[in-house]
N, C-alpha and C. Protein backbone atom coordinates (compact mmCIF):
# COMPACT_ATOMS: atom_id res chain seq x y z
N MET A 1 0.84 -1.23 -0.04
CA MET A 1 -0.11 -0.02 0.03
C MET A 1 0.87 1.33 -0.02
N GLN A 2 0.63 2.16 -0.92
CA GLN A 2 1.31 3.33 -0.98
C GLN A 2 1.00 4.41 -0.03
N LEU A 3 2.06 4.98 0.84
CA LEU A 3 1.81 6.01 1.84
C LEU A 3 1.31 7.12 1.30
N ALA A 4 0.72 7.90 2.06
CA ALA A 4 0.21 9.28 1.51
C ALA A 4 1.45 10.20 1.56
N SER A 5 1.41 11.09 0.78
CA SER A 5 2.47 12.20 0.64
C SER A 5 2.41 12.96 1.90
N PRO A 6 3.59 13.51 2.57
CA PRO A 6 3.47 14.30 3.69
C PRO A 6 2.61 15.70 3.34
N THR A 7 1.93 16.33 4.20
CA THR A 7 1.15 17.44 3.87
C THR A 7 2.30 18.55 3.89
N PRO A 8 1.95 19.75 3.57
CA PRO A 8 2.86 21.06 3.47
C PRO A 8 3.26 21.34 4.89
N LEU A 9 2.36 21.30 5.83
CA LEU A 9 2.55 21.57 7.18
C LEU A 9 3.47 20.64 7.88
N ARG A 10 3.44 19.40 7.66
CA ARG A 10 4.38 18.38 8.03
C ARG A 10 5.86 18.59 7.46
N ARG A 11 5.82 18.73 6.21
CA ARG A 11 7.02 19.16 5.40
C ARG A 11 7.76 20.42 6.16
N PHE A 12 6.94 21.44 6.45
CA PHE A 12 7.55 22.57 7.12
C PHE A 12 8.03 22.15 8.51
N ALA A 13 7.38 21.33 9.25
CA ALA A 13 7.69 20.92 10.52
C ALA A 13 9.04 20.16 10.50
N LYS A 14 9.16 19.27 9.48
CA LYS A 14 10.38 18.58 9.18
C LYS A 14 11.62 19.47 8.95
N LEU A 15 11.32 20.57 8.21
CA LEU A 15 12.37 21.48 8.01
C LEU A 15 12.84 22.26 9.09
N VAL A 16 11.88 22.64 9.97
CA VAL A 16 12.15 23.40 11.11
C VAL A 16 13.07 22.48 12.23
N THR A 17 12.54 21.21 12.39
CA THR A 17 13.33 20.16 12.98
C THR A 17 14.91 20.00 12.64
N GLU A 18 15.04 20.10 11.39
CA GLU A 18 16.37 20.03 10.81
C GLU A 18 17.15 21.22 10.95
N VAL A 19 16.51 22.35 10.62
CA VAL A 19 17.38 23.67 10.58
C VAL A 19 17.68 24.05 11.90
N LEU A 20 16.73 23.82 12.99
CA LEU A 20 16.86 24.26 14.37
C LEU A 20 17.21 23.10 15.18
N ALA A 21 17.97 22.20 14.78
CA ALA A 21 18.17 20.92 15.60
C ALA A 21 19.01 21.27 16.75
N PRO A 22 19.07 20.60 17.64
CA PRO A 22 20.25 21.05 18.78
C PRO A 22 21.59 21.38 18.36
N TRP A 23 22.22 20.43 17.44
CA TRP A 23 23.55 20.76 17.11
C TRP A 23 23.69 22.15 16.33
N VAL A 24 22.69 22.64 15.73
CA VAL A 24 22.77 23.83 15.12
C VAL A 24 22.92 25.02 16.25
N TRP A 25 22.08 24.78 17.13
CA TRP A 25 22.11 25.85 18.32
C TRP A 25 23.52 25.85 19.01
N VAL A 26 23.94 24.59 19.21
CA VAL A 26 25.26 24.42 19.82
C VAL A 26 26.45 24.77 19.08
N VAL A 27 26.22 25.10 17.83
CA VAL A 27 27.40 25.57 16.98
C VAL A 27 27.37 27.04 17.13
N TRP A 28 26.22 27.81 16.85
CA TRP A 28 26.40 29.20 16.82
C TRP A 28 26.26 29.85 18.09
N LEU A 29 25.60 29.22 19.13
CA LEU A 29 25.43 29.91 20.51
C LEU A 29 26.90 30.12 21.03
N PRO A 30 27.91 29.15 21.21
CA PRO A 30 29.20 29.52 21.64
C PRO A 30 29.87 30.58 20.87
N ALA A 31 29.58 30.78 19.62
CA ALA A 31 30.31 32.07 19.11
C ALA A 31 29.80 33.22 19.50
N ALA A 32 28.43 33.34 19.60
CA ALA A 32 27.76 34.49 20.14
C ALA A 32 28.14 34.76 21.51
N ILE A 33 28.27 33.76 22.21
CA ILE A 33 28.63 34.23 23.69
C ILE A 33 30.14 34.53 23.76
N GLY A 34 31.02 33.88 22.95
CA GLY A 34 32.36 34.20 22.94
C GLY A 34 32.62 35.62 22.33
N TRP A 35 31.80 36.16 21.41
CA TRP A 35 31.86 37.41 20.93
C TRP A 35 31.54 38.45 22.11
N SER A 36 30.53 38.12 22.76
CA SER A 36 29.93 38.83 23.73
C SER A 36 31.13 39.27 24.95
N ALA A 37 31.70 37.95 25.19
CA ALA A 37 32.63 37.88 26.40
C ALA A 37 33.90 38.60 26.15
N THR A 38 34.48 38.47 24.94
CA THR A 38 35.67 39.18 24.52
C THR A 38 35.49 40.15 23.65
N GLY A 39 34.62 40.52 22.88
CA GLY A 39 34.42 41.57 22.00
C GLY A 39 35.27 41.59 21.01
N THR A 40 35.61 40.35 20.53
CA THR A 40 36.51 40.22 19.39
C THR A 40 36.08 38.95 18.50
N ALA A 41 36.40 39.05 17.26
CA ALA A 41 36.16 37.99 16.28
C ALA A 41 37.03 36.79 16.66
N PHE A 42 38.18 37.06 17.26
CA PHE A 42 39.20 36.03 17.39
C PHE A 42 38.71 35.17 18.60
N GLY A 43 38.20 36.03 19.56
CA GLY A 43 37.60 35.20 20.73
C GLY A 43 36.28 34.43 20.45
N ALA A 44 35.47 34.95 19.50
CA ALA A 44 34.16 34.33 19.14
C ALA A 44 34.66 33.07 18.34
N LEU A 45 35.67 33.03 17.57
CA LEU A 45 36.15 31.86 16.79
C LEU A 45 36.85 30.97 17.59
N VAL A 46 37.60 31.25 18.38
CA VAL A 46 38.48 30.13 19.20
C VAL A 46 37.58 29.56 20.34
N TRP A 47 37.14 30.26 21.18
CA TRP A 47 36.44 29.85 22.43
C TRP A 47 35.14 29.34 21.85
N GLY A 48 34.43 29.87 20.77
CA GLY A 48 33.13 29.36 20.20
C GLY A 48 33.38 27.91 19.63
N ALA A 49 34.73 27.84 18.91
CA ALA A 49 35.01 26.57 18.35
C ALA A 49 35.20 25.40 19.28
N VAL A 50 35.69 25.88 20.41
CA VAL A 50 36.10 24.54 21.26
C VAL A 50 34.71 24.15 21.97
N VAL A 51 33.94 24.99 22.31
CA VAL A 51 32.54 24.47 22.77
C VAL A 51 31.76 23.82 21.84
N ALA A 52 31.91 24.43 20.57
CA ALA A 52 30.97 23.70 19.50
C ALA A 52 31.53 22.29 18.90
N VAL A 53 33.00 22.09 19.09
CA VAL A 53 33.40 20.69 18.82
C VAL A 53 33.00 19.96 19.81
N PHE A 54 33.20 20.14 21.10
CA PHE A 54 33.04 19.25 22.34
C PHE A 54 31.40 19.12 22.45
N GLY A 55 30.81 20.11 22.16
CA GLY A 55 29.22 20.12 22.37
C GLY A 55 28.30 19.73 21.30
N ALA A 56 28.91 19.71 20.03
CA ALA A 56 28.00 19.36 18.87
C ALA A 56 28.74 18.36 17.89
N VAL A 57 29.92 18.90 17.39
CA VAL A 57 30.62 18.08 16.36
C VAL A 57 30.96 16.72 16.79
N ILE A 58 31.56 16.40 17.79
CA ILE A 58 31.80 15.22 18.19
C ILE A 58 30.58 14.20 18.73
N PRO A 59 29.72 14.78 19.29
CA PRO A 59 28.53 13.96 19.58
C PRO A 59 27.73 13.74 18.35
N MET A 60 27.53 14.80 17.40
CA MET A 60 26.74 14.42 16.09
C MET A 60 27.52 13.37 15.37
N ALA A 61 28.94 13.33 15.31
CA ALA A 61 29.55 12.52 14.50
C ALA A 61 29.18 10.91 15.19
N VAL A 62 29.30 10.89 16.31
CA VAL A 62 28.99 9.47 16.94
C VAL A 62 27.64 9.17 16.50
N ILE A 63 26.59 10.20 16.73
CA ILE A 63 25.31 9.78 16.47
C ILE A 63 24.97 9.37 15.12
N VAL A 64 25.55 10.18 14.17
CA VAL A 64 25.40 9.95 12.87
C VAL A 64 26.01 8.57 12.54
N HIS A 65 27.19 8.24 12.88
CA HIS A 65 27.72 6.95 12.61
C HIS A 65 26.78 5.92 13.20
N GLY A 66 26.30 6.00 14.33
CA GLY A 66 25.55 4.97 14.99
C GLY A 66 24.27 4.80 14.05
N ALA A 67 23.58 5.84 13.56
CA ALA A 67 22.43 5.83 12.69
C ALA A 67 22.67 5.16 11.39
N ARG A 68 23.93 5.37 10.97
CA ARG A 68 24.14 4.65 9.57
C ARG A 68 24.50 3.21 9.92
N ARG A 69 24.86 2.73 11.02
CA ARG A 69 25.10 1.48 11.33
C ARG A 69 23.92 0.75 11.73
N GLY A 70 22.89 1.47 11.89
CA GLY A 70 21.57 0.93 12.38
C GLY A 70 21.37 0.76 13.93
N ARG A 71 22.27 1.51 14.68
CA ARG A 71 21.96 1.28 16.11
C ARG A 71 20.78 2.01 16.55
N TRP A 72 20.40 3.02 15.88
CA TRP A 72 19.31 3.77 16.25
C TRP A 72 18.48 4.14 14.97
N ASP A 73 17.20 4.60 15.06
CA ASP A 73 16.51 4.84 13.87
C ASP A 73 17.03 5.94 12.71
N ASN A 74 17.45 7.06 13.62
CA ASN A 74 17.93 8.14 12.67
C ASN A 74 18.67 9.10 13.53
N HIS A 75 19.17 10.14 13.00
CA HIS A 75 20.17 10.94 13.58
C HIS A 75 19.38 11.89 14.77
N HIS A 76 18.15 11.79 14.78
CA HIS A 76 17.51 12.41 15.95
C HIS A 76 17.26 11.43 17.21
N VAL A 77 17.44 10.19 16.94
CA VAL A 77 17.33 9.05 17.82
C VAL A 77 15.96 9.16 18.57
N THR A 78 15.02 9.06 17.76
CA THR A 78 13.55 9.40 18.27
C THR A 78 13.16 8.17 19.33
N ARG A 79 13.69 6.96 19.25
CA ARG A 79 13.28 5.97 20.22
C ARG A 79 14.04 6.22 21.55
N ARG A 80 13.30 6.23 22.77
CA ARG A 80 13.76 6.69 23.98
C ARG A 80 14.76 5.47 24.41
N GLU A 81 14.53 4.34 23.98
CA GLU A 81 15.44 3.37 24.59
C GLU A 81 16.73 3.34 23.93
N ASP A 82 17.07 4.13 22.83
CA ASP A 82 18.12 4.12 22.01
C ASP A 82 19.04 5.27 22.53
N ARG A 83 18.71 6.09 23.53
CA ARG A 83 19.05 7.41 23.70
C ARG A 83 20.34 7.31 24.72
N LEU A 84 20.69 6.14 25.53
CA LEU A 84 21.61 6.09 26.55
C LEU A 84 23.08 6.43 25.90
N VAL A 85 23.55 5.76 24.74
CA VAL A 85 24.90 6.14 24.23
C VAL A 85 24.96 7.44 23.87
N PRO A 86 24.03 8.02 22.95
CA PRO A 86 24.22 9.37 22.43
C PRO A 86 24.15 10.39 23.62
N LEU A 87 23.36 10.22 24.69
CA LEU A 87 23.22 11.24 25.82
C LEU A 87 24.73 11.24 26.48
N LEU A 88 25.07 9.76 26.75
CA LEU A 88 26.28 9.92 27.57
C LEU A 88 27.63 10.28 26.85
N THR A 89 27.52 10.00 25.57
CA THR A 89 28.52 10.58 24.66
C THR A 89 28.58 12.18 24.71
N CYS A 90 27.45 12.72 24.58
CA CYS A 90 27.27 14.08 24.78
C CYS A 90 27.92 14.64 26.11
N VAL A 91 27.27 13.90 27.05
CA VAL A 91 28.05 14.43 28.60
C VAL A 91 29.38 14.31 28.77
N GLY A 92 29.79 13.21 28.12
CA GLY A 92 31.35 12.93 28.24
C GLY A 92 32.25 13.95 27.52
N SER A 93 31.60 14.19 26.26
CA SER A 93 32.26 15.14 25.41
C SER A 93 32.29 16.38 25.88
N VAL A 94 31.25 16.83 26.40
CA VAL A 94 31.19 18.51 26.96
C VAL A 94 31.88 18.63 28.28
N GLY A 95 32.12 17.30 28.92
CA GLY A 95 32.76 17.50 30.18
C GLY A 95 34.36 17.52 29.90
N VAL A 96 34.88 16.83 28.85
CA VAL A 96 36.24 17.03 28.31
C VAL A 96 36.45 18.56 27.85
N GLY A 97 35.43 19.22 27.15
CA GLY A 97 35.37 20.55 26.76
C GLY A 97 35.55 21.46 27.89
N ILE A 98 34.87 21.33 29.03
CA ILE A 98 35.03 22.15 30.17
C ILE A 98 36.47 22.00 30.62
N ALA A 99 36.93 20.98 30.68
CA ALA A 99 38.36 20.71 31.15
C ALA A 99 39.35 21.55 30.13
N VAL A 100 39.16 21.33 29.09
CA VAL A 100 40.03 22.18 28.01
C VAL A 100 39.91 23.73 28.17
N LEU A 101 38.50 23.97 28.24
CA LEU A 101 38.37 25.52 28.55
C LEU A 101 39.07 26.06 29.72
N ALA A 102 38.92 25.31 30.86
CA ALA A 102 39.49 25.62 32.14
C ALA A 102 41.12 25.76 32.18
N LEU A 103 41.76 24.74 31.44
CA LEU A 103 43.10 24.68 31.32
C LEU A 103 43.75 25.90 30.41
N ALA A 104 42.77 26.04 29.37
CA ALA A 104 43.31 27.01 28.36
C ALA A 104 43.11 28.70 28.95
N GLY A 105 42.45 28.72 30.08
CA GLY A 105 42.14 30.08 30.63
C GLY A 105 41.08 30.71 29.83
N ALA A 106 40.01 30.07 29.41
CA ALA A 106 38.89 30.55 28.69
C ALA A 106 38.12 31.45 29.51
N PRO A 107 37.46 32.68 28.90
CA PRO A 107 36.61 33.46 29.66
C PRO A 107 35.65 32.74 30.38
N HIS A 108 35.25 33.30 31.68
CA HIS A 108 34.34 32.41 32.62
C HIS A 108 32.97 32.19 31.90
N GLU A 109 32.58 33.10 30.99
CA GLU A 109 31.43 32.94 30.24
C GLU A 109 31.22 31.67 29.46
N MET A 110 32.30 31.25 28.88
CA MET A 110 32.47 30.05 28.09
C MET A 110 32.47 28.74 29.11
N VAL A 111 33.11 28.78 30.23
CA VAL A 111 33.09 27.84 31.10
C VAL A 111 31.63 27.55 31.79
N ALA A 112 31.06 28.60 32.04
CA ALA A 112 29.63 28.72 32.39
C ALA A 112 28.83 28.13 31.59
N LEU A 113 28.86 28.32 30.21
CA LEU A 113 28.05 27.87 29.03
C LEU A 113 28.26 26.35 28.96
N ALA A 114 29.53 25.89 29.17
CA ALA A 114 29.68 24.45 29.01
C ALA A 114 29.19 23.69 30.05
N ALA A 115 29.21 24.27 31.33
CA ALA A 115 28.67 23.76 32.56
C ALA A 115 27.21 23.79 32.50
N ALA A 116 26.59 24.57 31.87
CA ALA A 116 25.06 24.65 31.68
C ALA A 116 24.70 23.58 30.80
N MET A 117 25.44 23.49 29.74
CA MET A 117 25.24 22.24 28.69
C MET A 117 25.37 20.84 29.44
N VAL A 118 26.39 20.72 30.08
CA VAL A 118 26.63 19.42 30.55
C VAL A 118 25.55 18.96 31.77
N SER A 119 25.21 20.01 32.58
CA SER A 119 24.25 19.87 33.54
C SER A 119 22.88 19.40 33.16
N THR A 120 22.45 20.26 32.09
CA THR A 120 21.23 19.95 31.56
C THR A 120 21.19 18.51 30.89
N LEU A 121 22.40 18.18 30.31
CA LEU A 121 22.39 16.74 29.62
C LEU A 121 22.30 15.73 30.68
N VAL A 122 22.90 16.01 31.84
CA VAL A 122 22.92 14.82 33.01
C VAL A 122 21.39 14.77 33.37
N VAL A 123 20.68 15.70 33.47
CA VAL A 123 19.27 15.71 34.04
C VAL A 123 18.41 15.31 32.96
N THR A 124 18.61 15.62 31.74
CA THR A 124 17.99 15.06 30.52
C THR A 124 18.17 13.35 30.46
N THR A 125 19.41 13.10 30.79
CA THR A 125 19.85 11.53 30.70
C THR A 125 19.14 10.77 31.74
N ALA A 126 19.00 11.32 33.05
CA ALA A 126 18.39 10.82 34.21
C ALA A 126 16.73 10.73 33.93
N ILE A 127 16.31 11.71 33.42
CA ILE A 127 14.62 11.58 33.23
C ILE A 127 14.48 10.68 32.10
N THR A 128 15.14 10.56 30.94
CA THR A 128 15.06 9.94 29.80
C THR A 128 15.19 8.35 30.11
N LEU A 129 16.13 8.05 31.02
CA LEU A 129 16.62 6.63 31.13
C LEU A 129 16.32 6.25 32.70
N ALA A 130 15.28 6.82 33.35
CA ALA A 130 14.91 6.27 34.58
C ALA A 130 14.71 4.70 34.59
N PRO A 131 14.92 4.27 35.59
CA PRO A 131 15.16 2.74 35.68
C PRO A 131 13.75 1.93 35.72
N GLY A 132 13.62 0.87 35.30
CA GLY A 132 12.31 0.16 35.31
C GLY A 132 11.44 0.53 34.32
N GLY A 133 11.87 1.34 33.09
CA GLY A 133 11.14 1.58 31.92
C GLY A 133 10.11 2.79 32.17
N ARG A 134 10.26 3.43 33.26
CA ARG A 134 9.45 4.54 33.47
C ARG A 134 9.89 5.90 33.13
N GLY A 135 10.84 6.00 32.21
CA GLY A 135 11.60 7.06 31.45
C GLY A 135 10.54 7.90 30.74
N TRP A 136 10.85 9.18 30.69
CA TRP A 136 10.10 10.19 29.99
C TRP A 136 10.93 10.75 28.96
N LYS A 137 10.44 10.83 27.68
CA LYS A 137 11.23 11.02 26.61
C LYS A 137 11.11 12.66 26.24
N ILE A 138 11.87 13.19 27.37
CA ILE A 138 11.87 14.77 27.26
C ILE A 138 12.51 15.20 26.07
N SER A 139 11.94 16.29 25.42
CA SER A 139 12.32 16.83 24.21
C SER A 139 13.73 17.55 24.27
N VAL A 140 14.82 16.84 23.77
CA VAL A 140 16.07 17.71 23.72
C VAL A 140 16.12 18.77 22.83
N HIS A 141 15.38 18.82 21.59
CA HIS A 141 15.14 19.91 20.79
C HIS A 141 14.72 20.96 21.37
N SER A 142 13.36 20.74 22.19
CA SER A 142 13.01 21.91 22.76
C SER A 142 13.82 22.49 23.88
N GLY A 143 14.44 21.66 24.87
CA GLY A 143 15.35 22.06 25.78
C GLY A 143 16.37 23.00 25.29
N VAL A 144 17.17 22.36 24.40
CA VAL A 144 18.30 23.11 23.90
C VAL A 144 17.87 24.53 23.18
N ALA A 145 16.84 24.44 22.47
CA ALA A 145 16.38 26.02 21.80
C ALA A 145 16.02 26.86 23.01
N PHE A 146 15.06 26.39 23.94
CA PHE A 146 14.71 27.30 24.92
C PHE A 146 15.93 27.73 25.82
N GLY A 147 16.70 26.90 26.11
CA GLY A 147 17.91 27.10 27.01
C GLY A 147 18.96 27.95 26.27
N ALA A 148 18.98 27.73 25.02
CA ALA A 148 20.10 28.82 24.20
C ALA A 148 19.50 30.25 24.18
N ILE A 149 18.29 30.36 24.08
CA ILE A 149 17.83 31.76 24.02
C ILE A 149 17.72 32.33 25.49
N ALA A 150 17.57 31.49 26.43
CA ALA A 150 17.64 31.83 27.84
C ALA A 150 18.93 32.46 28.24
N ILE A 151 20.03 31.81 27.80
CA ILE A 151 21.46 32.03 28.12
C ILE A 151 21.82 33.24 27.27
N LEU A 152 21.32 33.41 26.02
CA LEU A 152 21.85 34.70 25.16
C LEU A 152 21.09 35.95 26.00
N ALA A 153 19.95 35.71 26.30
CA ALA A 153 19.21 36.87 26.95
C ALA A 153 19.80 37.42 28.24
N ILE A 154 20.34 36.28 28.89
CA ILE A 154 21.14 36.70 30.08
C ILE A 154 22.41 37.30 29.98
N GLN A 155 23.02 36.75 28.94
CA GLN A 155 24.32 37.33 28.49
C GLN A 155 24.29 38.77 27.75
N SER A 156 23.34 38.88 26.97
CA SER A 156 23.39 39.91 26.00
C SER A 156 22.13 40.83 26.12
N GLY A 157 21.12 40.54 27.03
CA GLY A 157 20.14 41.62 27.26
C GLY A 157 18.84 40.83 26.97
N PRO A 158 17.83 41.27 27.57
CA PRO A 158 16.34 40.64 27.62
C PRO A 158 15.68 40.67 26.26
N TRP A 159 16.21 41.60 25.27
CA TRP A 159 15.56 41.62 24.13
C TRP A 159 15.66 40.27 23.32
N TRP A 160 16.59 39.67 23.50
CA TRP A 160 17.16 38.38 22.88
C TRP A 160 16.01 37.32 23.06
N ALA A 161 15.34 37.60 24.23
CA ALA A 161 14.18 36.42 24.55
C ALA A 161 13.05 36.36 23.65
N LEU A 162 12.91 37.62 22.82
CA LEU A 162 11.88 37.43 21.58
C LEU A 162 12.35 36.42 20.58
N LEU A 163 13.42 35.77 20.68
CA LEU A 163 13.81 34.58 19.94
C LEU A 163 13.18 33.45 20.32
N TRP A 164 12.44 33.47 21.53
CA TRP A 164 11.87 32.28 21.85
C TRP A 164 10.62 31.86 20.99
N ALA A 165 10.23 32.88 20.06
CA ALA A 165 9.39 32.60 19.05
C ALA A 165 9.93 31.25 18.09
N ALA A 166 11.34 31.38 17.88
CA ALA A 166 11.81 30.40 17.15
C ALA A 166 11.95 28.87 17.96
N SER A 167 12.00 29.04 19.31
CA SER A 167 12.23 27.95 20.28
C SER A 167 10.69 27.21 20.20
N ALA A 168 9.64 28.10 20.12
CA ALA A 168 8.25 27.70 20.12
C ALA A 168 8.11 26.96 18.94
N LEU A 169 8.50 27.35 17.91
CA LEU A 169 8.33 26.72 16.54
C LEU A 169 9.10 25.38 16.65
N VAL A 170 10.21 25.35 17.19
CA VAL A 170 10.88 23.96 17.26
C VAL A 170 10.16 23.04 18.05
N ALA A 171 9.48 23.41 19.16
CA ALA A 171 8.45 22.53 20.08
C ALA A 171 7.45 22.16 19.28
N TRP A 172 6.76 22.99 18.57
CA TRP A 172 5.64 22.71 17.70
C TRP A 172 5.90 21.68 16.81
N SER A 173 7.20 21.89 16.01
CA SER A 173 7.52 20.76 14.98
C SER A 173 7.70 19.50 15.63
N ARG A 174 8.21 19.14 16.82
CA ARG A 174 8.39 18.02 17.42
C ARG A 174 7.04 17.08 17.59
N VAL A 175 6.09 18.09 17.93
CA VAL A 175 4.65 17.53 18.23
C VAL A 175 4.16 17.09 16.94
N GLU A 176 4.08 18.12 16.00
CA GLU A 176 3.54 17.97 14.60
C GLU A 176 4.14 16.69 14.01
N LEU A 177 5.45 16.34 14.25
CA LEU A 177 5.90 15.23 13.56
C LEU A 177 5.69 13.96 14.37
N GLY A 178 5.18 13.99 15.46
CA GLY A 178 4.84 12.86 16.33
C GLY A 178 5.96 12.24 17.29
N ASP A 179 7.18 13.07 17.29
CA ASP A 179 8.17 12.57 18.03
C ASP A 179 8.05 12.73 19.43
N HIS A 180 7.36 13.81 19.84
CA HIS A 180 7.07 14.20 21.17
C HIS A 180 5.75 14.55 21.51
N THR A 181 5.20 14.43 22.86
CA THR A 181 3.94 14.99 23.13
C THR A 181 4.16 16.49 23.58
N THR A 182 3.06 17.13 23.84
CA THR A 182 3.02 18.66 24.13
C THR A 182 3.63 18.56 25.64
N GLY A 183 3.45 17.62 26.42
CA GLY A 183 4.17 17.68 27.66
C GLY A 183 5.50 17.52 27.72
N GLN A 184 6.07 16.71 26.71
CA GLN A 184 7.46 16.52 26.69
C GLN A 184 8.28 17.76 26.08
N VAL A 185 7.55 18.42 25.24
CA VAL A 185 8.15 19.63 24.64
C VAL A 185 8.21 20.72 25.67
N CYS A 186 7.18 20.72 26.57
CA CYS A 186 7.04 21.78 27.54
C CYS A 186 7.98 21.43 28.68
N GLY A 187 8.26 20.26 28.92
CA GLY A 187 9.13 19.84 29.94
C GLY A 187 10.71 20.04 29.44
N GLY A 188 10.76 20.03 28.26
CA GLY A 188 12.15 20.36 27.70
C GLY A 188 12.23 21.75 27.82
N ALA A 189 11.35 22.68 27.50
CA ALA A 189 11.51 24.02 27.49
C ALA A 189 11.49 24.48 29.02
N VAL A 190 11.07 23.92 30.08
CA VAL A 190 11.27 24.21 31.37
C VAL A 190 12.64 23.96 31.62
N LEU A 191 13.25 22.76 31.38
CA LEU A 191 14.49 22.45 31.57
C LEU A 191 15.54 23.37 31.04
N GLY A 192 15.17 23.73 29.73
CA GLY A 192 16.16 24.40 29.00
C GLY A 192 16.38 25.68 29.79
N VAL A 193 15.12 26.53 30.15
CA VAL A 193 15.26 27.91 30.70
C VAL A 193 15.67 27.79 32.11
N LEU A 194 15.10 26.96 32.96
CA LEU A 194 15.44 27.00 34.38
C LEU A 194 16.73 26.22 34.56
N GLY A 195 16.92 25.21 33.91
CA GLY A 195 18.18 24.37 34.07
C GLY A 195 19.31 25.12 33.36
N GLY A 196 19.16 25.27 32.14
CA GLY A 196 20.16 25.82 31.28
C GLY A 196 20.44 27.33 31.64
N GLY A 197 19.51 28.19 31.82
CA GLY A 197 19.43 29.47 32.18
C GLY A 197 20.07 29.73 33.49
N GLY A 198 19.45 29.01 34.57
CA GLY A 198 19.74 29.13 35.93
C GLY A 198 21.09 28.62 36.16
N ILE A 199 21.67 27.61 35.67
CA ILE A 199 23.14 27.15 35.84
C ILE A 199 24.09 28.17 35.16
N TYR A 200 23.72 28.69 33.98
CA TYR A 200 24.56 29.63 33.38
C TYR A 200 24.80 30.97 34.27
N SER A 201 23.61 31.47 34.82
CA SER A 201 23.70 32.51 35.82
C SER A 201 24.51 32.15 36.86
N ALA A 202 24.42 31.01 37.58
CA ALA A 202 25.17 30.60 38.81
C ALA A 202 26.57 30.57 38.48
N GLY A 203 26.85 30.09 37.27
CA GLY A 203 28.08 29.87 36.90
C GLY A 203 28.90 31.28 36.71
N LEU A 204 28.17 32.33 35.96
CA LEU A 204 28.66 33.65 36.13
C LEU A 204 29.13 34.23 37.36
N VAL A 205 28.25 33.86 38.37
CA VAL A 205 28.37 34.54 39.80
C VAL A 205 29.57 33.85 40.48
N LEU A 206 29.57 32.34 40.23
CA LEU A 206 30.69 31.79 40.96
C LEU A 206 32.05 31.81 40.27
N LEU A 207 32.12 32.15 39.08
CA LEU A 207 33.38 32.23 38.20
C LEU A 207 33.78 33.58 37.94
N GLY A 208 32.84 34.52 38.27
CA GLY A 208 33.32 35.98 37.93
C GLY A 208 33.94 36.57 38.72
């Protein structure tokens, strides 16, 4: 039986999910924070690259490799039970990135950013992989999108919070595609704002 063609709305949701995927946020956000912290293109490039490599490039390389070998369904790892290795890879990679930043004398904003990333990943892993099969597939897409804008607003001013419209679009796309429920994307948003934003703020205070 031939499957029905996806509707324009569903195609748009798929586009949003890909264009505003977590790794995309984790590539450009460190550069933006690096620019704000140092006021130089060099600072944005160097420190942003360190966080982006350990926060996005290395984890995505592992995830894409696993998807191609059939270890999980796709590069978004939509099945909850498949998320252990990808999430732990992200946690470990960002943890190494924090060590590199600290040893290299990076601006405290960059260390705080990486700390916020790894902390929210740890919480996401704990929620998703709760023992006994009672885990909840909290939306990583939503969490990263809302957390990124929260951190940017804390660093560069409240007007940046207007970009939460883009984060809301990401959350909508995950529900439209059937990959998450409304509750799961809302949970991700709360974790991103309170967890990511809160830990970033605390890091600025402790490291500043």
